[in-house]
Amino acid sequence: MTEKPDPEPPIHDVSTLTKGGSIARLIHRGEVYVLRVTRLGKLILTK
């Protein structure tokens, strides 16, 4: 039996997720996480 390679993961533009702002809220398994873009352009994900 031959294993299929994993499909290509989806790509999401952060500016689309934040609607041009610096914060997006993401839900994972019923928990809300906050994705922040810092002034230096780094990403921080917190619960």
PDB file of N, CA and C in Angstrom:
ATOM      1  N   MET A   1       0.846  -1.187   0.000  1.00  0.00           N
ATOM      2  CA  MET A   1       0.000   0.000   0.000  1.00  0.00           C
ATOM      3  C   MET A   1       0.889   1.248   0.000  1.00  0.00           C
ATOM      4  N   THR A   2       0.652   2.161  -0.913  1.00  0.00           N
ATOM      5  CA  THR A   2       1.450   3.369  -1.031  1.00  0.00           C
ATOM      6  C   THR A   2       0.781   4.510  -0.265  1.00  0.00           C
ATOM      7  N   GLU A   3       1.589   5.197   0.553  1.00  0.00           N
ATOM      8  CA  GLU A   3       1.058   6.336   1.308  1.00  0.00           C
ATOM      9  C   GLU A   3       1.000   7.562   0.408  1.00  0.00           C
ATOM     10  N   LYS A   4      -0.106   8.315   0.522  1.00  0.00           N
ATOM     11  CA  LYS A   4      -0.226   9.562  -0.225  1.00  0.00           C
ATOM     12  C   LYS A   4       0.499  10.658   0.537  1.00  0.00           C
ATOM     13  N   PRO A   5       1.196  11.541  -0.160  1.00  0.00           N
ATOM     14  CA  PRO A   5       1.838  12.662   0.532  1.00  0.00           C
ATOM     15  C   PRO A   5       0.768  13.589   1.102  1.00  0.00           C
ATOM     16  N   ASP A   6       1.126  14.294   2.165  1.00  0.00           N
ATOM     17  CA  ASP A   6       0.202  15.260   2.754  1.00  0.00           C
ATOM     18  C   ASP A   6      -0.138  16.322   1.727  1.00  0.00           C
ATOM     19  N   PRO A   7      -1.414  16.719   1.681  1.00  0.00           N
ATOM     20  CA  PRO A   7      -1.766  17.797   0.745  1.00  0.00           C
ATOM     21  C   PRO A   7      -1.105  19.101   1.166  1.00  0.00           C
ATOM     22  N   GLU A   8      -0.950  19.968   0.212  1.00  0.00           N
ATOM     23  CA  GLU A   8      -0.344  21.283   0.488  1.00  0.00           C
ATOM     24  C   GLU A   8      -1.216  22.022   1.498  1.00  0.00           C
ATOM     25  N   PRO A   9      -0.627  22.549   2.583  1.00  0.00           N
ATOM     26  CA  PRO A   9      -1.443  23.269   3.573  1.00  0.00           C
ATOM     27  C   PRO A   9      -1.947  24.595   3.004  1.00  0.00           C
ATOM     28  N   PRO A  10      -3.085  25.083   3.514  1.00  0.00           N
ATOM     29  CA  PRO A  10      -3.602  26.362   3.019  1.00  0.00           C
ATOM     30  C   PRO A  10      -2.682  27.512   3.407  1.00  0.00           C
ATOM     31  N   ILE A  11      -2.703  28.554   2.618  1.00  0.00           N
ATOM     32  CA  ILE A  11      -1.922  29.762   2.896  1.00  0.00           C
ATOM     33  C   ILE A  11      -2.911  30.905   3.121  1.00  0.00           C
ATOM     34  N   HIS A  12      -2.729  31.639   4.223  1.00  0.00           N
ATOM     35  CA  HIS A  12      -3.599  32.764   4.552  1.00  0.00           C
ATOM     36  C   HIS A  12      -2.736  34.003   4.753  1.00  0.00           C
ATOM     37  N   ASP A  13      -3.120  35.095   4.145  1.00  0.00           N
ATOM     38  CA  ASP A  13      -2.414  36.356   4.312  1.00  0.00           C
ATOM     39  C   ASP A  13      -2.836  36.970   5.644  1.00  0.00           C
ATOM     40  N   VAL A  14      -1.869  37.313   6.493  1.00  0.00           N
ATOM     41  CA  VAL A  14      -2.165  37.859   7.822  1.00  0.00           C
ATOM     42  C   VAL A  14      -2.956  39.156   7.709  1.00  0.00           C
ATOM     43  N   SER A  15      -2.652  39.982   6.719  1.00  0.00           N
ATOM     44  CA  SER A  15      -3.388  41.242   6.597  1.00  0.00           C
ATOM     45  C   SER A  15      -4.858  40.989   6.281  1.00  0.00           C
ATOM     46  N   THR A  16      -5.167  39.868   5.634  1.00  0.00           N
ATOM     47  CA  THR A  16      -6.564  39.504   5.397  1.00  0.00           C
ATOM     48  C   THR A  16      -7.209  39.055   6.703  1.00  0.00           C
ATOM     49  N   LEU A  17      -6.490  38.262   7.497  1.00  0.00           N
ATOM     50  CA  LEU A  17      -7.029  37.801   8.778  1.00  0.00           C
ATOM     51  C   LEU A  17      -7.287  38.965   9.732  1.00  0.00           C
ATOM     52  N   THR A  18      -6.409  39.952   9.718  1.00  0.00           N
ATOM     53  CA  THR A  18      -6.554  41.095  10.636  1.00  0.00           C
ATOM     54  C   THR A  18      -7.357  42.235  10.014  1.00  0.00           C
ATOM     55  N   LYS A  19      -7.782  42.061   8.765  1.00  0.00           N
ATOM     56  CA  LYS A  19      -8.503  43.105   8.014  1.00  0.00           C
ATOM     57  C   LYS A  19      -7.726  44.416   8.018  1.00  0.00           C
ATOM     58  N   GLY A  20      -6.401  44.298   7.862  1.00  0.00           N
ATOM     59  CA  GLY A  20      -5.538  45.473   7.796  1.00  0.00           C
ATOM     60  C   GLY A  20      -5.118  46.016   9.144  1.00  0.00           C
ATOM     61  N   GLY A  21      -5.649  45.465  10.222  1.00  0.00           N
ATOM     62  CA  GLY A  21      -5.286  45.916  11.561  1.00  0.00           C
ATOM     63  C   GLY A  21      -4.120  45.112  12.111  1.00  0.00           C
ATOM     64  N   SER A  22      -4.060  44.989  13.429  1.00  0.00           N
ATOM     65  CA  SER A  22      -2.946  44.270  14.039  1.00  0.00           C
ATOM     66  C   SER A  22      -3.394  43.078  14.891  1.00  0.00           C
ATOM     67  N   ILE A  23      -4.709  42.798  14.933  1.00  0.00           N
ATOM     68  CA  ILE A  23      -5.207  41.712  15.780  1.00  0.00           C
ATOM     69  C   ILE A  23      -6.226  40.868  15.015  1.00  0.00           C
ATOM     70  N   ALA A  24      -6.125  39.550  15.184  1.00  0.00           N
ATOM     71  CA  ALA A  24      -7.137  38.624  14.672  1.00  0.00           C
ATOM     72  C   ALA A  24      -7.432  37.622  15.774  1.00  0.00           C
ATOM     73  N   ARG A  25      -8.686  37.252  15.915  1.00  0.00           N
ATOM     74  CA  ARG A  25      -9.066  36.227  16.879  1.00  0.00           C
ATOM     75  C   ARG A  25      -9.300  34.933  16.113  1.00  0.00           C
ATOM     76  N   LEU A  26      -8.710  33.858  16.609  1.00  0.00           N
ATOM     77  CA  LEU A  26      -8.827  32.547  15.974  1.00  0.00           C
ATOM     78  C   LEU A  26      -9.462  31.579  16.963  1.00  0.00           C
ATOM     79  N   ILE A  27     -10.342  30.709  16.490  1.00  0.00           N
ATOM     80  CA  ILE A  27     -10.957  29.705  17.357  1.00  0.00           C
ATOM     81  C   ILE A  27     -10.386  28.347  16.998  1.00  0.00           C
ATOM     82  N   HIS A  28      -9.896  27.642  18.019  1.00  0.00           N
ATOM     83  CA  HIS A  28      -9.351  26.295  17.845  1.00  0.00           C
ATOM     84  C   HIS A  28      -9.889  25.417  18.962  1.00  0.00           C
ATOM     85  N   ARG A  29     -10.669  24.404  18.575  1.00  0.00           N
ATOM     86  CA  ARG A  29     -11.261  23.476  19.543  1.00  0.00           C
ATOM     87  C   ARG A  29     -12.035  24.196  20.640  1.00  0.00           C
ATOM     88  N   GLY A  30     -12.778  25.215  20.254  1.00  0.00           N
ATOM     89  CA  GLY A  30     -13.608  25.945  21.199  1.00  0.00           C
ATOM     90  C   GLY A  30     -12.878  26.999  22.022  1.00  0.00           C
ATOM     91  N   GLU A  31     -11.573  27.122  21.850  1.00  0.00           N
ATOM     92  CA  GLU A  31     -10.773  28.123  22.578  1.00  0.00           C
ATOM     93  C   GLU A  31     -10.458  29.288  21.643  1.00  0.00           C
ATOM     94  N   VAL A  32     -10.464  30.502  22.192  1.00  0.00           N
ATOM     95  CA  VAL A  32     -10.154  31.688  21.396  1.00  0.00           C
ATOM     96  C   VAL A  32      -8.687  32.057  21.594  1.00  0.00           C
ATOM     97  N   TYR A  33      -7.990  32.233  20.496  1.00  0.00           N
ATOM     98  CA  TYR A  33      -6.597  32.663  20.504  1.00  0.00           C
ATOM     99  C   TYR A  33      -6.520  34.027  19.845  1.00  0.00           C
ATOM    100  N   VAL A  34      -5.524  34.814  20.209  1.00  0.00           N
ATOM    101  CA  VAL A  34      -5.340  36.140  19.626  1.00  0.00           C
ATOM    102  C   VAL A  34      -4.007  36.162  18.879  1.00  0.00           C
ATOM    103  N   LEU A  35      -4.085  36.517  17.611  1.00  0.00           N
ATOM    104  CA  LEU A  35      -2.893  36.678  16.784  1.00  0.00           C
ATOM    105  C   LEU A  35      -2.630  38.168  16.678  1.00  0.00           C
ATOM    106  N   ARG A  36      -1.448  38.605  17.110  1.00  0.00           N
ATOM    107  CA  ARG A  36      -1.093  40.028  17.080  1.00  0.00           C
ATOM    108  C   ARG A  36       0.110  40.241  16.164  1.00  0.00           C
ATOM    109  N   VAL A  37       0.070  41.353  15.461  1.00  0.00           N
ATOM    110  CA  VAL A  37       1.212  41.788  14.655  1.00  0.00           C
ATOM    111  C   VAL A  37       1.861  42.924  15.430  1.00  0.00           C
ATOM    112  N   THR A  38       3.136  42.767  15.764  1.00  0.00           N
ATOM    113  CA  THR A  38       3.840  43.789  16.529  1.00  0.00           C
ATOM    114  C   THR A  38       4.239  44.961  15.641  1.00  0.00           C
ATOM    115  N   ARG A  39       4.709  46.034  16.247  1.00  0.00           N
ATOM    116  CA  ARG A  39       5.172  47.190  15.476  1.00  0.00           C
ATOM    117  C   ARG A  39       6.338  46.839  14.565  1.00  0.00           C
ATOM    118  N   LEU A  40       7.091  45.809  14.954  1.00  0.00           N
ATOM    119  CA  LEU A  40       8.231  45.376  14.126  1.00  0.00           C
ATOM    120  C   LEU A  40       7.832  44.339  13.078  1.00  0.00           C
ATOM    121  N   GLY A  41       6.517  44.012  13.008  1.00  0.00           N
ATOM    122  CA  GLY A  41       6.042  43.068  12.004  1.00  0.00           C
ATOM    123  C   GLY A  41       6.137  41.611  12.410  1.00  0.00           C
ATOM    124  N   LYS A  42       6.453  41.348  13.674  1.00  0.00           N
ATOM    125  CA  LYS A  42       6.511  39.969  14.160  1.00  0.00           C
ATOM    126  C   LYS A  42       5.110  39.514  14.534  1.00  0.00           C
ATOM    127  N   LEU A  43       4.913  38.183  14.614  1.00  0.00           N
ATOM    128  CA  LEU A  43       3.620  37.627  14.990  1.00  0.00           C
ATOM    129  C   LEU A  43       3.682  37.005  16.367  1.00  0.00           C
ATOM    130  N   ILE A  44       2.647  37.250  17.176  1.00  0.00           N
ATOM    131  CA  ILE A  44       2.535  36.664  18.502  1.00  0.00           C
ATOM    132  C   ILE A  44       1.149  36.009  18.600  1.00  0.00           C
ATOM    133  N   LEU A  45       1.123  34.735  18.989  1.00  0.00           N
ATOM    134  CA  LEU A  45      -0.138  34.026  19.174  1.00  0.00           C
ATOM    135  C   LEU A  45      -0.290  33.710  20.651  1.00  0.00           C
ATOM    136  N   THR A  46      -1.396  34.184  21.258  1.00  0.00           N
ATOM    137  CA  THR A  46      -1.639  33.939  22.679  1.00  0.00           C
ATOM    138  C   THR A  46      -3.045  33.375  22.862  1.00  0.00           C
ATOM    139  N   LYS A  47      -3.231  32.747  23.996  1.00  0.00           N
ATOM    140  CA  LYS A  47      -4.516  32.152  24.326  1.00  0.00           C
ATOM    141  C   LYS A  47      -5.292  33.091  25.206  1.00  0.00           C
TER     142      LYS A  47
END
